[in-house]
Amino acid sequence: MSDSRFDDYPYWIAHYYVDKMEYPGKWLFWQHTDAGKLPGIKGYVDLNIFNGSYYNLMQLLIPKPKIDKKSDTPIYDSLYIDSFSVQD
């Protein structure tokens, strides 16, 4: 991940069965297990940790379009943010 072409994308690191993230660079998501259990779900699930604020997480969502009543076309209200800090 030393190629600068990936610098504009948040890193989602799969690093299983350790107590802490050992990747030395910036990361946004850490998938720390593929053997998690959740009530109501049969079998194992992936569990992840987000390395940012609730606001930062909301900025990654694709907004639900509003429908223009006059033209009946979708209008996307952008939640775009230029950048946000990710902890090392």
N, C-alpha and C. Protein backbone atom coordinates (compact mmCIF):
# COMPACT_ATOMS: atom_id res chain seq x y z
N MET A 1 0.83 -1.20 0.00
CA MET A 1 0.00 0.00 0.00
C MET A 1 0.87 1.25 0.00
N SER A 2 2.03 1.14 -0.58
CA SER A 2 2.91 2.29 -0.65
C SER A 2 2.73 3.07 -1.94
N ASP A 3 1.84 2.63 -2.81
CA ASP A 3 1.58 3.32 -4.07
C ASP A 3 0.69 4.53 -3.82
N SER A 4 1.13 5.71 -4.21
CA SER A 4 0.40 6.95 -3.93
C SER A 4 -0.95 7.02 -4.63
N ARG A 5 -1.20 6.15 -5.61
CA ARG A 5 -2.50 6.15 -6.28
C ARG A 5 -3.64 5.80 -5.33
N PHE A 6 -3.32 5.18 -4.21
CA PHE A 6 -4.34 4.78 -3.25
C PHE A 6 -4.52 5.78 -2.11
N ASP A 7 -3.78 6.86 -2.10
CA ASP A 7 -3.83 7.82 -1.00
C ASP A 7 -5.19 8.47 -0.80
N ASP A 8 -5.98 8.59 -1.83
CA ASP A 8 -7.29 9.24 -1.73
C ASP A 8 -8.40 8.29 -1.26
N TYR A 9 -8.06 7.04 -1.02
CA TYR A 9 -9.05 6.05 -0.62
C TYR A 9 -8.82 5.62 0.83
N PRO A 10 -9.89 5.47 1.59
CA PRO A 10 -9.70 5.01 2.97
C PRO A 10 -9.30 3.54 2.99
N TYR A 11 -8.35 3.21 3.84
CA TYR A 11 -7.89 1.82 3.96
C TYR A 11 -8.80 1.05 4.90
N TRP A 12 -9.19 -0.13 4.45
CA TRP A 12 -9.97 -1.07 5.25
C TRP A 12 -9.08 -2.30 5.39
N ILE A 13 -8.48 -2.42 6.55
CA ILE A 13 -7.47 -3.44 6.78
C ILE A 13 -8.09 -4.68 7.43
N ALA A 14 -7.90 -5.85 6.85
CA ALA A 14 -8.30 -7.11 7.46
C ALA A 14 -7.08 -7.65 8.18
N HIS A 15 -7.14 -7.64 9.51
CA HIS A 15 -6.01 -8.08 10.34
C HIS A 15 -6.61 -8.83 11.51
N TYR A 16 -6.68 -10.15 11.38
CA TYR A 16 -7.44 -10.99 12.30
C TYR A 16 -6.63 -11.49 13.49
N TYR A 17 -7.39 -11.77 14.57
CA TYR A 17 -6.91 -12.51 15.73
C TYR A 17 -5.74 -11.84 16.45
N VAL A 18 -5.74 -10.52 16.50
CA VAL A 18 -4.75 -9.76 17.26
C VAL A 18 -5.50 -8.80 18.19
N ASP A 19 -4.84 -8.35 19.25
CA ASP A 19 -5.47 -7.46 20.23
C ASP A 19 -5.49 -6.00 19.79
N LYS A 20 -4.59 -5.63 18.90
CA LYS A 20 -4.57 -4.24 18.42
C LYS A 20 -4.12 -4.21 16.97
N MET A 21 -4.45 -3.10 16.31
CA MET A 21 -4.06 -2.91 14.92
C MET A 21 -2.55 -2.72 14.86
N GLU A 22 -1.90 -3.50 14.02
CA GLU A 22 -0.45 -3.41 13.91
C GLU A 22 0.01 -2.77 12.60
N TYR A 23 -0.94 -2.40 11.73
CA TYR A 23 -0.56 -1.72 10.49
C TYR A 23 -0.04 -0.33 10.85
N PRO A 24 1.15 0.06 10.39
CA PRO A 24 1.76 1.32 10.81
C PRO A 24 1.21 2.58 10.13
N GLY A 25 0.48 2.43 9.05
CA GLY A 25 0.00 3.60 8.31
C GLY A 25 -1.38 4.04 8.74
N LYS A 26 -1.94 4.97 7.99
CA LYS A 26 -3.29 5.45 8.27
C LYS A 26 -4.31 4.41 7.80
N TRP A 27 -5.35 4.23 8.60
CA TRP A 27 -6.40 3.29 8.24
C TRP A 27 -7.72 3.85 8.75
N LEU A 28 -8.80 3.43 8.10
CA LEU A 28 -10.13 3.91 8.47
C LEU A 28 -10.97 2.80 9.07
N PHE A 29 -10.84 1.59 8.54
CA PHE A 29 -11.58 0.44 9.06
C PHE A 29 -10.60 -0.68 9.36
N TRP A 30 -10.85 -1.38 10.46
CA TRP A 30 -10.09 -2.55 10.81
C TRP A 30 -11.06 -3.71 10.98
N GLN A 31 -10.97 -4.66 10.09
CA GLN A 31 -11.76 -5.89 10.21
C GLN A 31 -10.93 -6.84 11.07
N HIS A 32 -11.32 -6.97 12.35
CA HIS A 32 -10.47 -7.68 13.30
C HIS A 32 -10.83 -9.14 13.48
N THR A 33 -11.96 -9.58 12.93
CA THR A 33 -12.29 -11.01 12.99
C THR A 33 -13.28 -11.37 11.90
N ASP A 34 -13.22 -12.61 11.51
CA ASP A 34 -14.21 -13.16 10.59
C ASP A 34 -15.04 -14.22 11.31
N ALA A 35 -14.91 -14.26 12.65
CA ALA A 35 -15.60 -15.28 13.43
C ALA A 35 -16.43 -14.66 14.57
N GLY A 36 -16.98 -13.48 14.32
CA GLY A 36 -17.82 -12.83 15.32
C GLY A 36 -19.20 -13.47 15.38
N LYS A 37 -19.85 -13.28 16.50
CA LYS A 37 -21.21 -13.79 16.68
C LYS A 37 -22.11 -12.63 17.09
N LEU A 38 -23.30 -12.57 16.49
CA LEU A 38 -24.30 -11.56 16.82
C LEU A 38 -25.64 -12.23 17.03
N PRO A 39 -26.41 -11.74 18.02
CA PRO A 39 -27.73 -12.32 18.26
C PRO A 39 -28.60 -12.22 17.01
N GLY A 40 -29.30 -13.29 16.69
CA GLY A 40 -30.21 -13.29 15.56
C GLY A 40 -29.58 -13.66 14.24
N ILE A 41 -28.27 -13.85 14.21
CA ILE A 41 -27.58 -14.22 12.98
C ILE A 41 -26.95 -15.59 13.18
N LYS A 42 -27.30 -16.52 12.32
CA LYS A 42 -26.72 -17.85 12.40
C LYS A 42 -25.35 -17.83 11.72
N GLY A 43 -24.40 -18.46 12.32
CA GLY A 43 -23.06 -18.52 11.75
C GLY A 43 -22.22 -17.34 12.20
N TYR A 44 -21.04 -17.26 11.61
CA TYR A 44 -20.08 -16.23 11.98
C TYR A 44 -20.22 -15.00 11.07
N VAL A 45 -19.84 -13.84 11.62
CA VAL A 45 -19.87 -12.59 10.86
C VAL A 45 -18.53 -11.87 11.03
N ASP A 46 -18.22 -10.99 10.08
CA ASP A 46 -17.04 -10.13 10.20
C ASP A 46 -17.37 -9.03 11.20
N LEU A 47 -16.39 -8.64 12.01
CA LEU A 47 -16.54 -7.51 12.93
C LEU A 47 -15.46 -6.49 12.60
N ASN A 48 -15.85 -5.22 12.61
CA ASN A 48 -14.97 -4.14 12.19
C ASN A 48 -14.95 -3.02 13.22
N ILE A 49 -13.87 -2.24 13.22
CA ILE A 49 -13.74 -1.04 14.04
C ILE A 49 -13.50 0.13 13.10
N PHE A 50 -14.22 1.23 13.34
CA PHE A 50 -14.04 2.45 12.56
C PHE A 50 -13.10 3.39 13.30
N ASN A 51 -12.12 3.92 12.63
CA ASN A 51 -11.10 4.78 13.21
C ASN A 51 -11.39 6.24 12.86
N GLY A 52 -12.47 6.76 13.40
CA GLY A 52 -12.86 8.14 13.14
C GLY A 52 -14.07 8.49 13.99
N SER A 53 -14.62 9.66 13.76
CA SER A 53 -15.78 10.11 14.52
C SER A 53 -17.08 9.66 13.85
N TYR A 54 -18.16 9.81 14.57
CA TYR A 54 -19.48 9.50 14.02
C TYR A 54 -19.74 10.40 12.80
N TYR A 55 -19.36 11.65 12.88
CA TYR A 55 -19.52 12.59 11.76
C TYR A 55 -18.76 12.08 10.54
N ASN A 56 -17.52 11.64 10.74
CA ASN A 56 -16.72 11.11 9.62
C ASN A 56 -17.39 9.91 8.98
N LEU A 57 -17.96 9.04 9.80
CA LEU A 57 -18.65 7.86 9.28
C LEU A 57 -19.86 8.26 8.45
N MET A 58 -20.62 9.23 8.92
CA MET A 58 -21.80 9.68 8.19
C MET A 58 -21.43 10.29 6.83
N GLN A 59 -20.25 10.86 6.73
CA GLN A 59 -19.80 11.45 5.46
C GLN A 59 -19.52 10.40 4.40
N LEU A 60 -19.33 9.16 4.82
CA LEU A 60 -19.06 8.08 3.87
C LEU A 60 -20.32 7.47 3.29
N LEU A 61 -21.47 7.79 3.86
CA LEU A 61 -22.73 7.23 3.38
C LEU A 61 -23.17 7.85 2.06
N ILE A 62 -23.84 7.10 1.26
CA ILE A 62 -24.45 7.62 0.04
C ILE A 62 -25.81 8.17 0.43
N PRO A 63 -26.04 9.47 0.23
CA PRO A 63 -27.31 10.05 0.68
C PRO A 63 -28.50 9.51 -0.11
N LYS A 64 -29.62 9.40 0.57
CA LYS A 64 -30.86 8.98 -0.07
C LYS A 64 -31.38 10.16 -0.90
N PRO A 65 -31.71 9.94 -2.15
CA PRO A 65 -32.16 11.07 -2.98
C PRO A 65 -33.56 11.54 -2.56
N LYS A 66 -33.76 12.84 -2.73
CA LYS A 66 -35.09 13.42 -2.55
C LYS A 66 -35.72 13.49 -3.94
N ILE A 67 -37.01 13.35 -4.02
CA ILE A 67 -37.70 13.40 -5.31
C ILE A 67 -38.28 14.80 -5.51
N ASP A 68 -37.88 15.42 -6.63
CA ASP A 68 -38.44 16.72 -7.00
C ASP A 68 -39.90 16.52 -7.41
N LYS A 69 -40.80 17.19 -6.71
CA LYS A 69 -42.23 16.99 -6.95
C LYS A 69 -42.68 17.48 -8.33
N LYS A 70 -42.01 18.51 -8.86
CA LYS A 70 -42.41 19.04 -10.16
C LYS A 70 -41.99 18.13 -11.31
N SER A 71 -40.75 17.63 -11.23
CA SER A 71 -40.24 16.84 -12.36
C SER A 71 -40.20 15.34 -12.07
N ASP A 72 -40.46 14.96 -10.84
CA ASP A 72 -40.44 13.56 -10.42
C ASP A 72 -39.08 12.92 -10.66
N THR A 73 -38.01 13.70 -10.49
CA THR A 73 -36.65 13.19 -10.66
C THR A 73 -35.92 13.25 -9.32
N PRO A 74 -34.96 12.36 -9.13
CA PRO A 74 -34.21 12.36 -7.86
C PRO A 74 -33.25 13.53 -7.77
N ILE A 75 -33.14 14.08 -6.59
CA ILE A 75 -32.19 15.14 -6.29
C ILE A 75 -31.28 14.63 -5.18
N TYR A 76 -29.99 14.63 -5.43
CA TYR A 76 -29.04 14.14 -4.43
C TYR A 76 -28.48 15.32 -3.66
N ASP A 77 -28.66 15.28 -2.34
CA ASP A 77 -28.13 16.31 -1.45
C ASP A 77 -26.76 15.82 -0.99
N SER A 78 -25.73 16.38 -1.53
CA SER A 78 -24.39 15.89 -1.26
C SER A 78 -23.98 16.14 0.18
N LEU A 79 -23.42 15.10 0.79
CA LEU A 79 -22.84 15.21 2.13
C LEU A 79 -21.32 15.21 2.03
N TYR A 80 -20.83 15.63 0.88
CA TYR A 80 -19.40 15.56 0.61
C TYR A 80 -18.60 16.42 1.58
N ILE A 81 -17.48 15.89 2.02
CA ILE A 81 -16.54 16.63 2.84
C ILE A 81 -15.18 16.47 2.18
N ASP A 82 -14.40 17.55 2.16
CA ASP A 82 -13.11 17.51 1.47
C ASP A 82 -12.17 16.48 2.06
N SER A 83 -12.04 16.47 3.35
CA SER A 83 -11.16 15.51 3.99
C SER A 83 -11.45 15.47 5.47
N PHE A 84 -10.98 14.44 6.10
CA PHE A 84 -11.05 14.36 7.55
C PHE A 84 -9.86 13.58 8.03
N SER A 85 -9.50 13.79 9.28
CA SER A 85 -8.29 13.17 9.78
C SER A 85 -8.54 11.72 10.18
N VAL A 86 -7.54 10.93 9.90
CA VAL A 86 -7.55 9.52 10.30
C VAL A 86 -6.33 9.34 11.19
N GLN A 87 -6.54 8.74 12.32
CA GLN A 87 -5.44 8.55 13.27
C GLN A 87 -4.48 7.48 12.77
N ASP A 88 -3.21 7.68 13.05
CA ASP A 88 -2.20 6.66 12.73
C ASP A 88 -2.29 5.51 13.70
